[in-house]
Protein backbone atom coordinates (compact mmCIF):
# COMPACT_ATOMS: atom_id res chain seq x y z
CA MET A 1 0.13 0.11 0.15
CA LEU A 2 1.23 3.44 -0.63
CA GLU A 3 2.10 5.79 2.08
CA VAL A 4 1.91 9.51 1.77
CA SER A 5 2.71 11.78 4.46
CA PRO A 6 0.54 14.89 5.08
CA VAL A 7 1.52 17.78 3.01
CA ALA A 8 0.55 21.14 3.59
CA GLY A 9 -2.78 22.06 1.99
CA TRP A 10 -3.71 18.43 1.35
CA GLY A 11 -5.17 17.71 4.44
CA ASN A 12 -4.83 14.33 5.76
CA PRO A 13 -3.09 10.85 4.53
CA MET A 14 -6.20 9.57 2.72
CA LYS A 15 -7.33 12.84 0.79
CA SER A 16 -3.46 13.28 -0.14
CA LYS A 17 -3.67 9.64 -1.87
CA LEU A 18 -6.52 10.46 -3.73
CA SER A 19 -5.16 13.63 -5.06
CA ILE A 20 -2.25 11.40 -6.30
CA LEU A 21 -4.61 9.01 -7.48
CA ALA A 22 -6.58 11.87 -9.47
CA LEU A 23 -2.76 13.18 -10.99
CA VAL A 24 -1.99 10.06 -12.05
CA MET A 25 -5.05 9.43 -14.02
CA VAL A 26 -5.13 12.52 -15.61
CA CYS A 27 -1.80 11.73 -17.06
CA LEU A 28 -2.66 8.52 -18.19
CA TRP A 29 -6.15 9.74 -19.96
CA GLY A 30 -4.12 11.41 -22.69
CA ARG A 31 -2.84 7.93 -23.40
CA GLU A 32 -6.14 6.13 -23.79
CA ALA A 33 -7.85 5.55 -27.13
CA ARG A 34 -10.14 7.96 -28.20
CA SER A 35 -12.56 8.26 -31.01
CA ASP A 36 -12.64 11.70 -33.19
CA THR A 37 -14.58 12.83 -35.92
CA LEU A 38 -12.59 15.51 -37.91
CA THR A 39 -14.85 17.94 -40.26
CA PHE A 40 -12.68 19.26 -43.09
CA THR A 41 -14.51 22.47 -44.50
CA ILE A 42 -15.30 23.20 -48.30
CA ASN A 43 -15.52 26.83 -49.50
CA PRO A 44 -19.33 26.76 -50.87
CA ALA A 45 -17.77 28.32 -54.14
CA ASP A 46 -16.11 24.97 -54.77
CA THR A 47 -18.99 22.93 -54.73
CA GLY A 48 -19.94 21.61 -58.10
CA VAL A 49 -16.54 22.13 -59.78
CA VAL A 50 -14.36 19.29 -60.84
CA PHE A 51 -10.69 19.73 -59.61
CA SER A 52 -7.93 18.12 -61.30
CA PRO A 53 -5.06 16.93 -60.99
CA GLY A 54 -4.32 18.08 -57.74
CA PRO A 55 -2.66 17.90 -55.11
CA ILE A 56 -6.37 19.10 -53.57
CA ASP A 57 -5.81 20.43 -49.53
CA LEU A 58 -8.38 20.84 -47.00
CA PHE A 59 -8.16 21.40 -43.39
CA SER A 60 -9.83 21.16 -40.00
CA SER A 61 -9.34 22.81 -36.64
CA ASN A 62 -10.89 20.22 -34.56
CA LEU A 63 -7.52 19.07 -32.85
CA ASN A 64 -6.28 22.02 -32.10
CA GLY A 65 -4.86 22.20 -29.03
CA THR A 66 -4.65 18.37 -28.50
CA VAL A 67 -1.16 17.32 -27.14
CA VAL A 68 0.55 14.37 -28.89
CA ALA A 69 1.09 11.79 -26.25
CA GLY A 70 1.22 8.29 -27.77
CA GLN A 71 -2.47 7.83 -27.33
CA SER A 72 -4.02 5.72 -29.85
CA VAL A 73 -6.99 7.30 -32.08
CA SER A 74 -9.79 6.36 -34.23
CA LEU A 75 -10.71 9.08 -36.75
CA ASP A 76 -13.36 9.70 -39.17
CA LEU A 77 -12.29 12.42 -42.02
CA VAL A 78 -15.61 14.08 -42.95
CA PHE A 79 -16.42 16.89 -45.23
CA ASN A 80 -18.67 19.64 -43.89
CA ASP A 81 -22.72 19.80 -44.07
CA ASP A 82 -22.96 16.43 -45.05
CA LEU A 83 -20.87 17.02 -48.57
CA LEU A 84 -19.86 14.30 -50.59
CA ALA A 85 -16.54 14.16 -52.95
CA ARG A 86 -17.05 12.19 -56.03
CA LEU A 87 -13.83 10.70 -57.39
CA PHE A 88 -13.54 10.34 -61.20
CA LEU A 89 -11.02 7.55 -61.85
CA THR A 90 -10.54 7.48 -65.89
CA ASP A 91 -6.73 6.82 -65.48
CA PRO A 92 -5.44 3.28 -64.36
CA GLN A 93 -2.90 5.53 -62.16
CA ALA A 94 -3.45 5.20 -58.50
CA PHE A 95 -4.45 7.95 -56.01
CA GLY A 96 -3.76 8.38 -52.55
CA ILE A 97 -5.09 10.24 -49.54
CA GLU A 98 -3.09 11.31 -46.87
CA LEU A 99 -3.83 13.30 -43.33
CA ASN A 100 -1.18 15.72 -42.35
CA ILE A 101 -1.19 16.64 -38.44
CA HIS A 102 1.02 19.71 -38.03
CA THR A 103 2.05 20.65 -34.59
CA ASN A 104 4.13 23.36 -32.95
CA ALA A 105 7.24 21.03 -32.78
CA GLY A 106 9.61 23.43 -35.07
CA THR A 107 11.39 20.22 -36.21
CA PHE A 108 10.64 16.70 -36.91
CA PRO A 109 7.77 15.58 -34.49
CA GLY A 110 8.10 11.73 -34.68
CA PHE A 111 6.20 9.20 -36.19
CA ALA A 112 2.67 8.00 -35.95
CA GLY A 113 2.45 4.28 -34.55
CA PRO A 114 1.17 1.54 -36.97
CA THR A 115 -1.85 2.62 -39.04
CA THR A 116 -4.52 0.89 -41.13
CA GLY A 117 -7.16 2.98 -42.64
CA PHE A 118 -10.23 2.79 -45.61
CA LEU A 119 -12.57 5.11 -47.44
CA LEU A 120 -15.96 5.51 -46.24
CA GLY A 121 -19.26 5.39 -48.52
CA PRO A 122 -21.58 8.17 -48.63
CA ASN A 123 -23.73 6.70 -45.60
CA GLY A 124 -20.42 6.55 -43.44
CA GLN A 125 -20.03 2.88 -44.43
CA GLN A 126 -16.61 1.51 -45.13
CA ILE A 127 -16.29 0.79 -49.03
CA THR A 128 -12.55 -0.33 -49.66
CA ASP A 129 -10.49 -2.83 -47.68
CA THR A 130 -8.62 -2.28 -44.47
CA GLN A 131 -5.05 -1.01 -45.95
CA GLY A 132 -1.70 -0.69 -43.80
CA ALA A 133 -0.64 3.24 -44.16
CA GLY A 134 2.26 4.88 -45.02
CA ARG A 135 3.78 7.16 -42.33
CA SER A 136 6.13 10.29 -42.49
CA ASP A 137 7.29 13.28 -40.31
CA GLY A 138 8.57 16.62 -41.41
CA SER A 139 10.57 19.12 -40.71
CA ASP A 140 7.84 21.68 -40.53
CA GLY A 141 6.62 19.88 -37.05
CA SER A 142 4.19 17.72 -38.99
CA PHE A 143 3.73 14.25 -39.16
CA ALA A 144 1.59 12.21 -41.54
CA VAL A 145 -0.31 9.06 -42.51
CA GLY A 146 -1.49 7.97 -45.72
CA LEU A 147 -3.45 5.62 -48.06
CA GLU A 148 -2.34 5.01 -51.65
CA GLY A 149 -2.86 2.66 -54.51
CA PHE A 150 -6.76 3.45 -55.12
CA THR A 151 -7.69 3.00 -58.85
CA SER A 152 -11.02 2.34 -60.33
CA ALA A 153 -10.63 -1.50 -59.96
CA SER A 154 -10.94 -0.83 -56.36
CA PHE A 155 -14.07 -0.25 -56.88
CA GLY A 156 -15.04 -2.99 -59.43
CA GLY A 157 -14.43 -0.96 -62.09
CA ALA A 158 -16.42 1.80 -61.45
CA GLN A 159 -14.91 5.33 -62.80
CA ALA A 160 -17.07 7.55 -60.79
CA ILE A 161 -17.22 6.74 -57.10
CA ASP A 162 -18.99 8.91 -54.25
CA ILE A 163 -17.22 9.06 -50.82
CA SER A 164 -17.94 10.76 -47.53
CA GLY A 165 -14.71 10.86 -46.07
CA VAL A 166 -11.52 8.57 -45.29
CA HIS A 167 -11.11 6.58 -41.55
CA PHE A 168 -7.88 5.71 -40.13
CA ASP A 169 -6.82 3.70 -36.73
CA THR A 170 -3.49 5.27 -35.54
CA SER A 171 -1.73 6.49 -32.81
CA PHE A 172 0.21 10.04 -31.96
CA PRO A 173 3.90 10.40 -31.57
CA PRO A 174 4.71 10.23 -27.51
CA THR A 175 6.61 13.22 -27.85
CA GLY A 176 4.36 15.88 -25.94
CA PHE A 177 4.03 18.19 -28.78
CA VAL A 178 0.81 20.31 -29.62
CA VAL A 179 -1.50 20.06 -32.77
CA THR A 180 -1.69 23.46 -34.46
CA ASP A 181 -3.77 21.90 -37.78
CA ALA A 182 -4.95 19.30 -39.66
CA GLN A 183 -4.68 19.01 -43.38
CA LEU A 184 -6.75 16.47 -45.91
CA ARG A 185 -4.86 15.80 -49.12
CA PHE A 186 -6.26 14.45 -52.25
CA SER A 187 -3.28 13.36 -54.48
CA LEU A 188 -4.90 12.23 -57.96
CA ASN A 189 -1.50 11.57 -60.01
CA SER A 190 -3.36 12.07 -63.14
CA THR A 191 -4.93 15.06 -65.15
CA ALA A 192 -7.38 12.29 -66.16
CA ASN A 193 -8.74 11.70 -62.53
CA GLY A 194 -10.46 14.41 -60.62
CA VAL A 195 -12.47 15.09 -57.29
CA GLU A 196 -16.23 17.45 -57.34
CA PHE A 197 -17.57 18.06 -53.95
CA GLY A 198 -21.46 18.65 -53.28
CA THR A 199 -24.36 17.22 -51.87
CA GLU A 200 -25.76 13.87 -53.12
CA GLN A 201 -28.78 16.15 -54.62
CA GLN A 202 -25.68 18.58 -56.12
CA LEU A 203 -23.78 15.60 -58.14
CA PRO A 204 -25.07 14.90 -60.98
CA GLU A 205 -25.26 11.39 -62.68
CA PRO A 206 -21.81 10.88 -64.02
CA SER A 207 -21.79 10.81 -67.89
CA THR A 208 -19.32 9.71 -69.98
CA LEU A 209 -18.73 13.53 -71.60
CA LEU A 210 -18.46 14.64 -67.91
CA LEU A 211 -15.46 11.91 -67.42
CA LEU A 212 -13.56 12.79 -70.59
CA GLY A 213 -13.66 16.29 -69.82
CA ILE A 214 -11.82 16.03 -66.60
CA GLY A 215 -8.41 16.25 -68.41
CA ALA A 216 -8.89 19.85 -69.40
CA LEU A 217 -10.22 20.87 -66.06
CA SER A 218 -7.51 23.03 -63.39
CA VAL A 219 -8.69 25.17 -61.02
CA GLY A 220 -7.32 26.58 -57.68
CA LEU A 221 -8.85 24.72 -54.50
CA VAL A 222 -5.37 24.10 -53.46
CA LYS A 223 -3.99 25.78 -50.57
CA VAL A 224 0.10 25.83 -50.97
CA THR A 225 2.15 24.79 -48.06
CA PRO A 226 5.86 25.06 -47.82
CA VAL A 227 7.73 22.37 -49.12
CA LYS A 228 8.99 19.85 -46.17
CA ARG A 229 11.52 17.59 -45.70
CA THR A 230 10.45 14.11 -44.58
CA GLN A 231 12.61 11.30 -42.97
CA ARG A 232 10.51 8.61 -45.11
CA VAL A 233 8.46 8.86 -48.11
CA LEU A 234 4.76 7.60 -47.81
CA HIS A 235 4.21 4.45 -48.80
CA ASN A 236 1.90 1.51 -48.22
CA ARG A 237 3.13 -1.11 -45.52
CA ALA A 238 1.70 -3.03 -42.80
CA ASN A 239 3.09 -2.04 -39.84
């Protein structure tokens, strides 16, 4: 049994023990598994427009102020106002989705732990196989997890797929830095591929003419961020 001598201002030994237990629980809370929904905002002016080829960056402040303390997290990354993203995949070249967590580290903040993920369908259901995610960290204080290798073959040959977001199961680095922003990036890797944001009612039925016209479209949703030096290139892996 833990014996604690009375400390000024803490009262009797029993109260001291309870105070210490409370402190321990607070410290451990940051390492407990938690589930979060991160909402990424899309400008209304950017709905109904096909963006290609990318990268396309969206941002969320939902994690801001979170201390990265090795905690396990289950994250649903979705779009504001129940918007969907329609993926146009006419080129066999694969596209990827990456989550970058920016911190106040000012240098390499450490890697996320082993990570898996999958895409979410219009109703929030899992619509792709669970993949091992690539992981990296950068000299700008960010760390990232990413899914790659999605093509039309991943969806039974369909060339237009609606998603409501992406899910990641991961753990944060145990380095104690504070989250300042979260960035969701679509990497389309081809001018023949694209993405369009809108509600289920706003998104038209895909047509052959629209799919063929994607390669000619290029617009400026992308928010430019500084190039970062990474310790490891993102790639799919099982751990």
